[in-house]
Amino acid sequence: MAPSLAAQTGTSETLLLAVIMLCASMTGFSPFSSAGALALAGVQSEAERGRLFYQLLLLPFIGVSCVLLLVFLRLIG
């Protein structure tokens, strides 16, 4: 699937797979993932847990945005 998608978009297979892997790894920090849930479970204060929840919710969006910006600026690939 990746080779045909890379051919259709005109990008290299390596770049396409790198972007997919970077973006997929960023979602591991979500509060809905296992790692995010474990991080939330380790916090005892309810106020701190609420703040951490929103930080963990924003982190994947910021990370994916940074990866896409690097690709757009051609700093990756």
PDB file of N, CA and C in Angstrom:
ATOM      1  N   MET A   1       0.817  -1.187   0.000  1.00  0.00           N
ATOM      2  CA  MET A   1       0.000   0.000   0.000  1.00  0.00           C
ATOM      3  C   MET A   1       0.867   1.260   0.000  1.00  0.00           C
ATOM      4  N   ALA A   2       1.920   1.271   0.796  1.00  0.00           N
ATOM      5  CA  ALA A   2       2.783   2.454   0.860  1.00  0.00           C
ATOM      6  C   ALA A   2       3.479   2.737  -0.470  1.00  0.00           C
ATOM      7  N   PRO A   3       3.982   1.715  -1.184  1.00  0.00           N
ATOM      8  CA  PRO A   3       4.619   2.032  -2.468  1.00  0.00           C
ATOM      9  C   PRO A   3       3.657   2.658  -3.478  1.00  0.00           C
ATOM     10  N   SER A   4       2.437   2.151  -3.546  1.00  0.00           N
ATOM     11  CA  SER A   4       1.485   2.728  -4.503  1.00  0.00           C
ATOM     12  C   SER A   4       1.066   4.132  -4.079  1.00  0.00           C
ATOM     13  N   LEU A   5       0.911   4.362  -2.779  1.00  0.00           N
ATOM     14  CA  LEU A   5       0.559   5.697  -2.292  1.00  0.00           C
ATOM     15  C   LEU A   5       1.704   6.679  -2.534  1.00  0.00           C
ATOM     16  N   ALA A   6       2.923   6.222  -2.341  1.00  0.00           N
ATOM     17  CA  ALA A   6       4.084   7.076  -2.602  1.00  0.00           C
ATOM     18  C   ALA A   6       4.176   7.416  -4.086  1.00  0.00           C
ATOM     19  N   ALA A   7       3.881   6.448  -4.939  1.00  0.00           N
ATOM     20  CA  ALA A   7       3.922   6.703  -6.382  1.00  0.00           C
ATOM     21  C   ALA A   7       2.834   7.688  -6.796  1.00  0.00           C
ATOM     22  N   GLN A   8       1.657   7.579  -6.197  1.00  0.00           N
ATOM     23  CA  GLN A   8       0.551   8.479  -6.540  1.00  0.00           C
ATOM     24  C   GLN A   8       0.815   9.907  -6.081  1.00  0.00           C
ATOM     25  N   THR A   9       1.478  10.066  -4.953  1.00  0.00           N
ATOM     26  CA  THR A   9       1.723  11.406  -4.419  1.00  0.00           C
ATOM     27  C   THR A   9       3.050  11.993  -4.883  1.00  0.00           C
ATOM     28  N   GLY A  10       3.921  11.170  -5.442  1.00  0.00           N
ATOM     29  CA  GLY A  10       5.206  11.662  -5.922  1.00  0.00           C
ATOM     30  C   GLY A  10       6.255  11.815  -4.834  1.00  0.00           C
ATOM     31  N   THR A  11       6.050  11.201  -3.682  1.00  0.00           N
ATOM     32  CA  THR A  11       7.042  11.254  -2.607  1.00  0.00           C
ATOM     33  C   THR A  11       7.790   9.932  -2.540  1.00  0.00           C
ATOM     34  N   SER A  12       8.845   9.911  -1.772  1.00  0.00           N
ATOM     35  CA  SER A  12       9.591   8.664  -1.621  1.00  0.00           C
ATOM     36  C   SER A  12       8.897   7.770  -0.598  1.00  0.00           C
ATOM     37  N   GLU A  13       9.113   6.480  -0.755  1.00  0.00           N
ATOM     38  CA  GLU A  13       8.526   5.519   0.188  1.00  0.00           C
ATOM     39  C   GLU A  13       9.093   5.718   1.586  1.00  0.00           C
ATOM     40  N   THR A  14      10.371   6.032   1.666  1.00  0.00           N
ATOM     41  CA  THR A  14      11.020   6.239   2.959  1.00  0.00           C
ATOM     42  C   THR A  14      10.402   7.411   3.698  1.00  0.00           C
ATOM     43  N   LEU A  15      10.182   8.513   3.001  1.00  0.00           N
ATOM     44  CA  LEU A  15       9.569   9.684   3.621  1.00  0.00           C
ATOM     45  C   LEU A  15       8.153   9.373   4.084  1.00  0.00           C
ATOM     46  N   LEU A  16       7.394   8.705   3.255  1.00  0.00           N
ATOM     47  CA  LEU A  16       6.015   8.375   3.608  1.00  0.00           C
ATOM     48  C   LEU A  16       5.956   7.487   4.850  1.00  0.00           C
ATOM     49  N   LEU A  17       6.777   6.458   4.887  1.00  0.00           N
ATOM     50  CA  LEU A  17       6.784   5.564   6.048  1.00  0.00           C
ATOM     51  C   LEU A  17       7.314   6.266   7.297  1.00  0.00           C
ATOM     52  N   ALA A  18       8.286   7.158   7.141  1.00  0.00           N
ATOM     53  CA  ALA A  18       8.811   7.900   8.291  1.00  0.00           C
ATOM     54  C   ALA A  18       7.740   8.797   8.891  1.00  0.00           C
ATOM     55  N   VAL A  19       6.990   9.477   8.050  1.00  0.00           N
ATOM     56  CA  VAL A  19       5.922  10.348   8.545  1.00  0.00           C
ATOM     57  C   VAL A  19       4.828   9.529   9.218  1.00  0.00           C
ATOM     58  N   ILE A  20       4.472   8.401   8.634  1.00  0.00           N
ATOM     59  CA  ILE A  20       3.450   7.538   9.240  1.00  0.00           C
ATOM     60  C   ILE A  20       3.910   7.056  10.612  1.00  0.00           C
ATOM     61  N   MET A  21       5.167   6.617  10.718  1.00  0.00           N
ATOM     62  CA  MET A  21       5.673   6.099  11.990  1.00  0.00           C
ATOM     63  C   MET A  21       5.807   7.198  13.039  1.00  0.00           C
ATOM     64  N   LEU A  22       6.274   8.377  12.648  1.00  0.00           N
ATOM     65  CA  LEU A  22       6.395   9.479  13.607  1.00  0.00           C
ATOM     66  C   LEU A  22       5.028   9.901  14.137  1.00  0.00           C
ATOM     67  N   CYS A  23       4.071  10.021  13.248  1.00  0.00           N
ATOM     68  CA  CYS A  23       2.728  10.430  13.681  1.00  0.00           C
ATOM     69  C   CYS A  23       2.064   9.344  14.522  1.00  0.00           C
ATOM     70  N   ALA A  24       2.283   8.085  14.170  1.00  0.00           N
ATOM     71  CA  ALA A  24       1.696   6.998  14.953  1.00  0.00           C
ATOM     72  C   ALA A  24       2.311   6.928  16.348  1.00  0.00           C
ATOM     73  N   SER A  25       3.605   7.190  16.457  1.00  0.00           N
ATOM     74  CA  SER A  25       4.234   7.143  17.780  1.00  0.00           C
ATOM     75  C   SER A  25       3.784   8.304  18.659  1.00  0.00           C
ATOM     76  N   MET A  26       3.429   9.427  18.072  1.00  0.00           N
ATOM     77  CA  MET A  26       2.960  10.570  18.865  1.00  0.00           C
ATOM     78  C   MET A  26       1.615  10.277  19.525  1.00  0.00           C
ATOM     79  N   THR A  27       0.797   9.447  18.901  1.00  0.00           N
ATOM     80  CA  THR A  27      -0.507   9.152  19.495  1.00  0.00           C
ATOM     81  C   THR A  27      -0.385   8.273  20.731  1.00  0.00           C
ATOM     82  N   GLY A  28       0.769   7.690  20.979  1.00  0.00           N
ATOM     83  CA  GLY A  28       0.983   6.898  22.183  1.00  0.00           C
ATOM     84  C   GLY A  28       0.961   7.724  23.455  1.00  0.00           C
ATOM     85  N   PHE A  29       1.061   9.041  23.324  1.00  0.00           N
ATOM     86  CA  PHE A  29       1.033   9.928  24.484  1.00  0.00           C
ATOM     87  C   PHE A  29      -0.373  10.391  24.835  1.00  0.00           C
ATOM     88  N   SER A  30      -1.355   9.972  24.078  1.00  0.00           N
ATOM     89  CA  SER A  30      -2.738  10.379  24.326  1.00  0.00           C
ATOM     90  C   SER A  30      -3.224   9.817  25.662  1.00  0.00           C
ATOM     91  N   PRO A  31      -4.102  10.534  26.358  1.00  0.00           N
ATOM     92  CA  PRO A  31      -4.629   9.998  27.617  1.00  0.00           C
ATOM     93  C   PRO A  31      -5.518   8.775  27.399  1.00  0.00           C
ATOM     94  N   PHE A  32      -5.889   8.514  26.159  1.00  0.00           N
ATOM     95  CA  PHE A  32      -6.732   7.361  25.847  1.00  0.00           C
ATOM     96  C   PHE A  32      -5.909   6.121  25.520  1.00  0.00           C
ATOM     97  N   SER A  33      -4.582   6.266  25.427  1.00  0.00           N
ATOM     98  CA  SER A  33      -3.716   5.126  25.167  1.00  0.00           C
ATOM     99  C   SER A  33      -3.281   4.502  26.490  1.00  0.00           C
ATOM    100  N   SER A  34      -2.623   3.372  26.405  1.00  0.00           N
ATOM    101  CA  SER A  34      -2.162   2.691  27.623  1.00  0.00           C
ATOM    102  C   SER A  34      -1.147   3.532  28.391  1.00  0.00           C
ATOM    103  N   ALA A  35      -0.189   4.123  27.676  1.00  0.00           N
ATOM    104  CA  ALA A  35       0.834   4.928  28.349  1.00  0.00           C
ATOM    105  C   ALA A  35       0.226   6.165  28.992  1.00  0.00           C
ATOM    106  N   GLY A  36      -0.693   6.805  28.304  1.00  0.00           N
ATOM    107  CA  GLY A  36      -1.347   7.984  28.864  1.00  0.00           C
ATOM    108  C   GLY A  36      -2.200   7.643  30.070  1.00  0.00           C
ATOM    109  N   ALA A  37      -2.893   6.508  29.994  1.00  0.00           N
ATOM    110  CA  ALA A  37      -3.722   6.085  31.122  1.00  0.00           C
ATOM    111  C   ALA A  37      -2.861   5.750  32.337  1.00  0.00           C
ATOM    112  N   LEU A  38      -1.707   5.135  32.110  1.00  0.00           N
ATOM    113  CA  LEU A  38      -0.802   4.835  33.224  1.00  0.00           C
ATOM    114  C   LEU A  38      -0.246   6.113  33.838  1.00  0.00           C
ATOM    115  N   ALA A  39       0.048   7.097  33.004  1.00  0.00           N
ATOM    116  CA  ALA A  39       0.538   8.376  33.528  1.00  0.00           C
ATOM    117  C   ALA A  39      -0.534   9.049  34.368  1.00  0.00           C
ATOM    118  N   LEU A  40      -1.771   9.006  33.912  1.00  0.00           N
ATOM    119  CA  LEU A  40      -2.868   9.612  34.674  1.00  0.00           C
ATOM    120  C   LEU A  40      -3.137   8.853  35.968  1.00  0.00           C
ATOM    121  N   ALA A  41      -2.974   7.537  35.929  1.00  0.00           N
ATOM    122  CA  ALA A  41      -3.227   6.738  37.128  1.00  0.00           C
ATOM    123  C   ALA A  41      -2.193   7.014  38.214  1.00  0.00           C
ATOM    124  N   GLY A  42      -1.009   7.456  37.824  1.00  0.00           N
ATOM    125  CA  GLY A  42       0.040   7.721  38.797  1.00  0.00           C
ATOM    126  C   GLY A  42      -0.084   9.063  39.501  1.00  0.00           C
ATOM    127  N   VAL A  43      -1.016   9.893  39.063  1.00  0.00           N
ATOM    128  CA  VAL A  43      -1.188  11.218  39.665  1.00  0.00           C
ATOM    129  C   VAL A  43      -2.268  11.132  40.733  1.00  0.00           C
ATOM    130  N   GLN A  44      -1.976  11.625  41.927  1.00  0.00           N
ATOM    131  CA  GLN A  44      -2.933  11.506  43.023  1.00  0.00           C
ATOM    132  C   GLN A  44      -3.858  12.705  43.138  1.00  0.00           C
ATOM    133  N   SER A  45      -3.389  13.884  42.817  1.00  0.00           N
ATOM    134  CA  SER A  45      -4.200  15.092  42.938  1.00  0.00           C
ATOM    135  C   SER A  45      -5.175  15.201  41.763  1.00  0.00           C
ATOM    136  N   GLU A  46      -6.439  15.444  42.062  1.00  0.00           N
ATOM    137  CA  GLU A  46      -7.461  15.551  41.013  1.00  0.00           C
ATOM    138  C   GLU A  46      -7.205  16.760  40.111  1.00  0.00           C
ATOM    139  N   ALA A  47      -6.772  17.874  40.685  1.00  0.00           N
ATOM    140  CA  ALA A  47      -6.488  19.068  39.884  1.00  0.00           C
ATOM    141  C   ALA A  47      -5.307  18.826  38.948  1.00  0.00           C
ATOM    142  N   GLU A  48      -4.282  18.182  39.472  1.00  0.00           N
ATOM    143  CA  GLU A  48      -3.111  17.877  38.653  1.00  0.00           C
ATOM    144  C   GLU A  48      -3.455  16.859  37.570  1.00  0.00           C
ATOM    145  N   ARG A  49      -4.320  15.908  37.887  1.00  0.00           N
ATOM    146  CA  ARG A  49      -4.749  14.910  36.911  1.00  0.00           C
ATOM    147  C   ARG A  49      -5.517  15.567  35.762  1.00  0.00           C
ATOM    148  N   GLY A  50      -6.365  16.537  36.087  1.00  0.00           N
ATOM    149  CA  GLY A  50      -7.107  17.248  35.051  1.00  0.00           C
ATOM    150  C   GLY A  50      -6.183  18.038  34.135  1.00  0.00           C
ATOM    151  N   ARG A  51      -5.178  18.683  34.723  1.00  0.00           N
ATOM    152  CA  ARG A  51      -4.214  19.443  33.931  1.00  0.00           C
ATOM    153  C   ARG A  51      -3.386  18.510  33.046  1.00  0.00           C
ATOM    154  N   LEU A  52      -2.959  17.381  33.608  1.00  0.00           N
ATOM    155  CA  LEU A  52      -2.179  16.417  32.843  1.00  0.00           C
ATOM    156  C   LEU A  52      -3.004  15.819  31.707  1.00  0.00           C
ATOM    157  N   PHE A  53      -4.297  15.607  31.938  1.00  0.00           N
ATOM    158  CA  PHE A  53      -5.169  15.064  30.900  1.00  0.00           C
ATOM    159  C   PHE A  53      -5.147  15.964  29.666  1.00  0.00           C
ATOM    160  N   TYR A  54      -5.304  17.268  29.865  1.00  0.00           N
ATOM    161  CA  TYR A  54      -5.324  18.192  28.733  1.00  0.00           C
ATOM    162  C   TYR A  54      -3.947  18.326  28.084  1.00  0.00           C
ATOM    163  N   GLN A  55      -2.896  18.233  28.885  1.00  0.00           N
ATOM    164  CA  GLN A  55      -1.550  18.269  28.314  1.00  0.00           C
ATOM    165  C   GLN A  55      -1.305  17.037  27.448  1.00  0.00           C
ATOM    166  N   LEU A  56      -1.731  15.872  27.939  1.00  0.00           N
ATOM    167  CA  LEU A  56      -1.572  14.648  27.160  1.00  0.00           C
ATOM    168  C   LEU A  56      -2.465  14.649  25.927  1.00  0.00           C
ATOM    169  N   LEU A  57      -3.578  15.345  25.997  1.00  0.00           N
ATOM    170  CA  LEU A  57      -4.482  15.434  24.855  1.00  0.00           C
ATOM    171  C   LEU A  57      -3.899  16.337  23.767  1.00  0.00           C
ATOM    172  N   LEU A  58      -3.200  17.388  24.158  1.00  0.00           N
ATOM    173  CA  LEU A  58      -2.622  18.325  23.191  1.00  0.00           C
ATOM    174  C   LEU A  58      -1.301  17.843  22.600  1.00  0.00           C
ATOM    175  N   LEU A  59      -0.551  17.059  23.336  1.00  0.00           N
ATOM    176  CA  LEU A  59       0.779  16.646  22.902  1.00  0.00           C
ATOM    177  C   LEU A  59       0.784  15.958  21.533  1.00  0.00           C
ATOM    178  N   PRO A  60      -0.088  14.994  21.248  1.00  0.00           N
ATOM    179  CA  PRO A  60      -0.065  14.379  19.911  1.00  0.00           C
ATOM    180  C   PRO A  60      -0.371  15.367  18.792  1.00  0.00           C
ATOM    181  N   PHE A  61      -1.295  16.287  19.019  1.00  0.00           N
ATOM    182  CA  PHE A  61      -1.625  17.266  17.983  1.00  0.00           C
ATOM    183  C   PHE A  61      -0.436  18.179  17.696  1.00  0.00           C
ATOM    184  N   ILE A  62       0.258  18.588  18.738  1.00  0.00           N
ATOM    185  CA  ILE A  62       1.433  19.443  18.558  1.00  0.00           C
ATOM    186  C   ILE A  62       2.545  18.668  17.850  1.00  0.00           C
ATOM    187  N   GLY A  63       2.755  17.425  18.253  1.00  0.00           N
ATOM    188  CA  GLY A  63       3.798  16.608  17.635  1.00  0.00           C
ATOM    189  C   GLY A  63       3.534  16.328  16.167  1.00  0.00           C
ATOM    190  N   VAL A  64       2.305  15.960  15.839  1.00  0.00           N
ATOM    191  CA  VAL A  64       1.951  15.690  14.445  1.00  0.00           C
ATOM    192  C   VAL A  64       2.063  16.970  13.620  1.00  0.00           C
ATOM    193  N   SER A  65       1.651  18.085  14.187  1.00  0.00           N
ATOM    194  CA  SER A  65       1.768  19.365  13.478  1.00  0.00           C
ATOM    195  C   SER A  65       3.229  19.699  13.190  1.00  0.00           C
ATOM    196  N   CYS A  66       4.101  19.444  14.147  1.00  0.00           N
ATOM    197  CA  CYS A  66       5.531  19.703  13.945  1.00  0.00           C
ATOM    198  C   CYS A  66       6.107  18.804  12.853  1.00  0.00           C
ATOM    199  N   VAL A  67       5.733  17.532  12.852  1.00  0.00           N
ATOM    200  CA  VAL A  67       6.218  16.612  11.819  1.00  0.00           C
ATOM    201  C   VAL A  67       5.741  17.066  10.444  1.00  0.00           C
ATOM    202  N   LEU A  68       4.471  17.423  10.334  1.00  0.00           N
ATOM    203  CA  LEU A  68       3.949  17.873   9.045  1.00  0.00           C
ATOM    204  C   LEU A  68       4.586  19.185   8.605  1.00  0.00           C
ATOM    205  N   LEU A  69       4.889  20.062   9.545  1.00  0.00           N
ATOM    206  CA  LEU A  69       5.568  21.312   9.209  1.00  0.00           C
ATOM    207  C   LEU A  69       6.978  21.040   8.692  1.00  0.00           C
ATOM    208  N   LEU A  70       7.685  20.113   9.321  1.00  0.00           N
ATOM    209  CA  LEU A  70       9.026  19.752   8.855  1.00  0.00           C
ATOM    210  C   LEU A  70       8.988  19.153   7.454  1.00  0.00           C
ATOM    211  N   VAL A  71       7.970  18.361   7.177  1.00  0.00           N
ATOM    212  CA  VAL A  71       7.823  17.793   5.833  1.00  0.00           C
ATOM    213  C   VAL A  71       7.501  18.897   4.833  1.00  0.00           C
ATOM    214  N   PHE A  72       6.597  19.797   5.211  1.00  0.00           N
ATOM    215  CA  PHE A  72       6.207  20.891   4.318  1.00  0.00           C
ATOM    216  C   PHE A  72       7.396  21.798   3.995  1.00  0.00           C
ATOM    217  N   LEU A  73       8.230  22.055   4.989  1.00  0.00           N
ATOM    218  CA  LEU A  73       9.415  22.891   4.783  1.00  0.00           C
ATOM    219  C   LEU A  73      10.576  22.117   4.154  1.00  0.00           C
ATOM    220  N   ARG A  74      10.350  20.841   3.890  1.00  0.00           N
ATOM    221  CA  ARG A  74      11.337  19.941   3.276  1.00  0.00           C
ATOM    222  C   ARG A  74      12.596  19.777   4.131  1.00  0.00           C
ATOM    223  N   LEU A  75      12.425  19.825   5.439  1.00  0.00           N
ATOM    224  CA  LEU A  75      13.536  19.555   6.347  1.00  0.00           C
ATOM    225  C   LEU A  75      13.649  18.067   6.634  1.00  0.00           C
ATOM    226  N   ILE A  76      12.564  17.331   6.367  1.00  0.00           N
ATOM    227  CA  ILE A  76      12.565  15.869   6.430  1.00  0.00           C
ATOM    228  C   ILE A  76      12.317  15.385   5.009  1.00  0.00           C
ATOM    229  N   GLY A  77      13.127  14.477   4.553  1.00  0.00           N
ATOM    230  CA  GLY A  77      12.899  13.903   3.235  1.00  0.00           C
ATOM    231  C   GLY A  77      13.726  14.588   2.220  1.00  0.00           C
TER     232      GLY A  77
END
